[in-house]
Protein backbone atom coordinates (compact mmCIF):
# COMPACT_ATOMS: atom_id res chain seq x y z
CA UNK A 1 -88.16 -24.75 97.94
CA UNK A 2 -90.32 -22.33 95.97
CA UNK A 3 -93.35 -20.68 97.57
CA UNK A 4 -95.75 -18.92 95.19
CA UNK A 5 -99.05 -17.06 95.74
CA UNK A 6 -101.82 -16.51 93.20
CA UNK A 7 -103.20 -12.95 93.44
CA UNK A 8 -106.52 -13.99 91.96
CA UNK A 9 -107.51 -16.66 94.49
CA UNK A 10 -104.88 -16.02 97.25
CA UNK A 11 -103.74 -19.66 97.18
CA UNK A 12 -100.17 -20.37 98.30
CA UNK A 13 -98.38 -23.33 96.75
CA UNK A 14 -95.08 -24.91 97.81
CA UNK A 15 -92.93 -26.75 95.33
CA UNK A 16 -92.65 -30.52 95.49
CA UNK A 17 -92.00 -33.33 93.05
CA UNK A 18 -95.74 -33.49 92.31
CA UNK A 19 -97.55 -30.92 90.15
CA UNK A 20 -99.75 -28.54 92.15
CA UNK A 21 -102.46 -26.28 90.68
CA UNK A 22 -104.39 -23.47 92.40
CA UNK A 23 -107.65 -24.23 90.54
CA UNK A 24 -108.79 -20.69 89.67
CA UNK A 25 -109.12 -19.43 86.05
CA UNK A 26 -105.47 -18.27 86.18
CA UNK A 27 -104.39 -21.95 86.54
CA UNK A 28 -101.14 -21.32 88.40
CA UNK A 29 -99.06 -24.50 88.32
CA UNK A 30 -95.98 -25.34 90.42
CA UNK A 31 -93.79 -28.34 89.69
CA UNK A 32 -90.39 -28.60 91.45
CA UNK A 33 -88.61 -25.40 90.29
CA UNK A 34 -91.03 -24.38 87.51
CA UNK A 35 -93.95 -21.96 87.80
CA UNK A 36 -96.51 -21.38 85.07
CA UNK A 37 -99.84 -19.61 84.80
CA UNK A 38 -102.19 -18.11 82.24
CA UNK A 39 -101.21 -14.60 83.41
CA UNK A 40 -97.89 -14.50 85.31
CA UNK A 41 -98.51 -10.88 86.37
CA UNK A 42 -101.09 -12.32 88.80
CA UNK A 43 -98.45 -14.53 90.47
CA UNK A 44 -96.23 -13.46 93.39
CA UNK A 45 -93.00 -15.31 94.17
CA UNK A 46 -92.72 -15.37 97.97
CA UNK A 47 -89.61 -17.52 98.27
CA UNK A 48 -87.53 -18.48 95.26
CA UNK A 49 -85.37 -21.00 97.13
CA UNK A 50 -82.16 -19.39 95.90
CA UNK A 51 -79.75 -18.41 98.61
CA UNK A 52 -77.40 -15.49 98.30
CA UNK A 53 -73.86 -16.70 98.08
CA UNK A 54 -71.39 -15.38 100.56
CA UNK A 55 -68.10 -14.00 99.34
CA UNK A 56 -65.76 -16.96 98.81
CA UNK A 57 -62.58 -14.88 98.76
CA UNK A 58 -61.08 -13.55 101.95
CA UNK A 59 -60.25 -9.87 102.43
CA UNK A 60 -56.57 -10.58 101.70
CA UNK A 61 -57.46 -12.36 98.45
CA UNK A 62 -59.61 -9.42 97.34
CA UNK A 63 -56.82 -6.97 98.13
CA UNK A 64 -54.31 -9.08 96.17
CA UNK A 65 -56.65 -9.23 93.15
CA UNK A 66 -57.19 -5.47 93.27
CA UNK A 67 -53.43 -4.84 93.34
CA UNK A 68 -52.94 -7.30 90.52
CA UNK A 69 -55.58 -5.53 88.42
CA UNK A 70 -53.66 -2.24 88.72
CA UNK A 71 -50.40 -3.70 87.38
CA UNK A 72 -48.98 -2.32 84.17
CA UNK A 73 -48.03 -4.53 81.27
CA UNK A 74 -44.33 -4.36 80.53
CA UNK A 75 -43.23 -4.78 76.94
CA UNK A 76 -39.92 -6.36 76.29
CA UNK A 77 -38.00 -5.43 73.17
CA UNK A 78 -35.70 -8.03 71.75
CA UNK A 79 -33.01 -7.42 69.19
CA UNK A 80 -33.27 -9.78 66.26
CA UNK A 81 -29.86 -10.63 64.70
């Protein structure tokens, strides 16, 4: 859910499946996950609805990946006959 405030008229709008407009000359419009206005510098995003993702890998997985990153590449030489 997106929550947006217009600095010009101090109207707060929450996103929904219907288009919402603040009604001032800036004409801030919110429709689902889209925000538009005449001047976007006069719009404040209060809640973007995006959650921060937690780390999916465990501490052991991260340690394994770090050790793997430090491995050297070994070249094998073959004799061609």
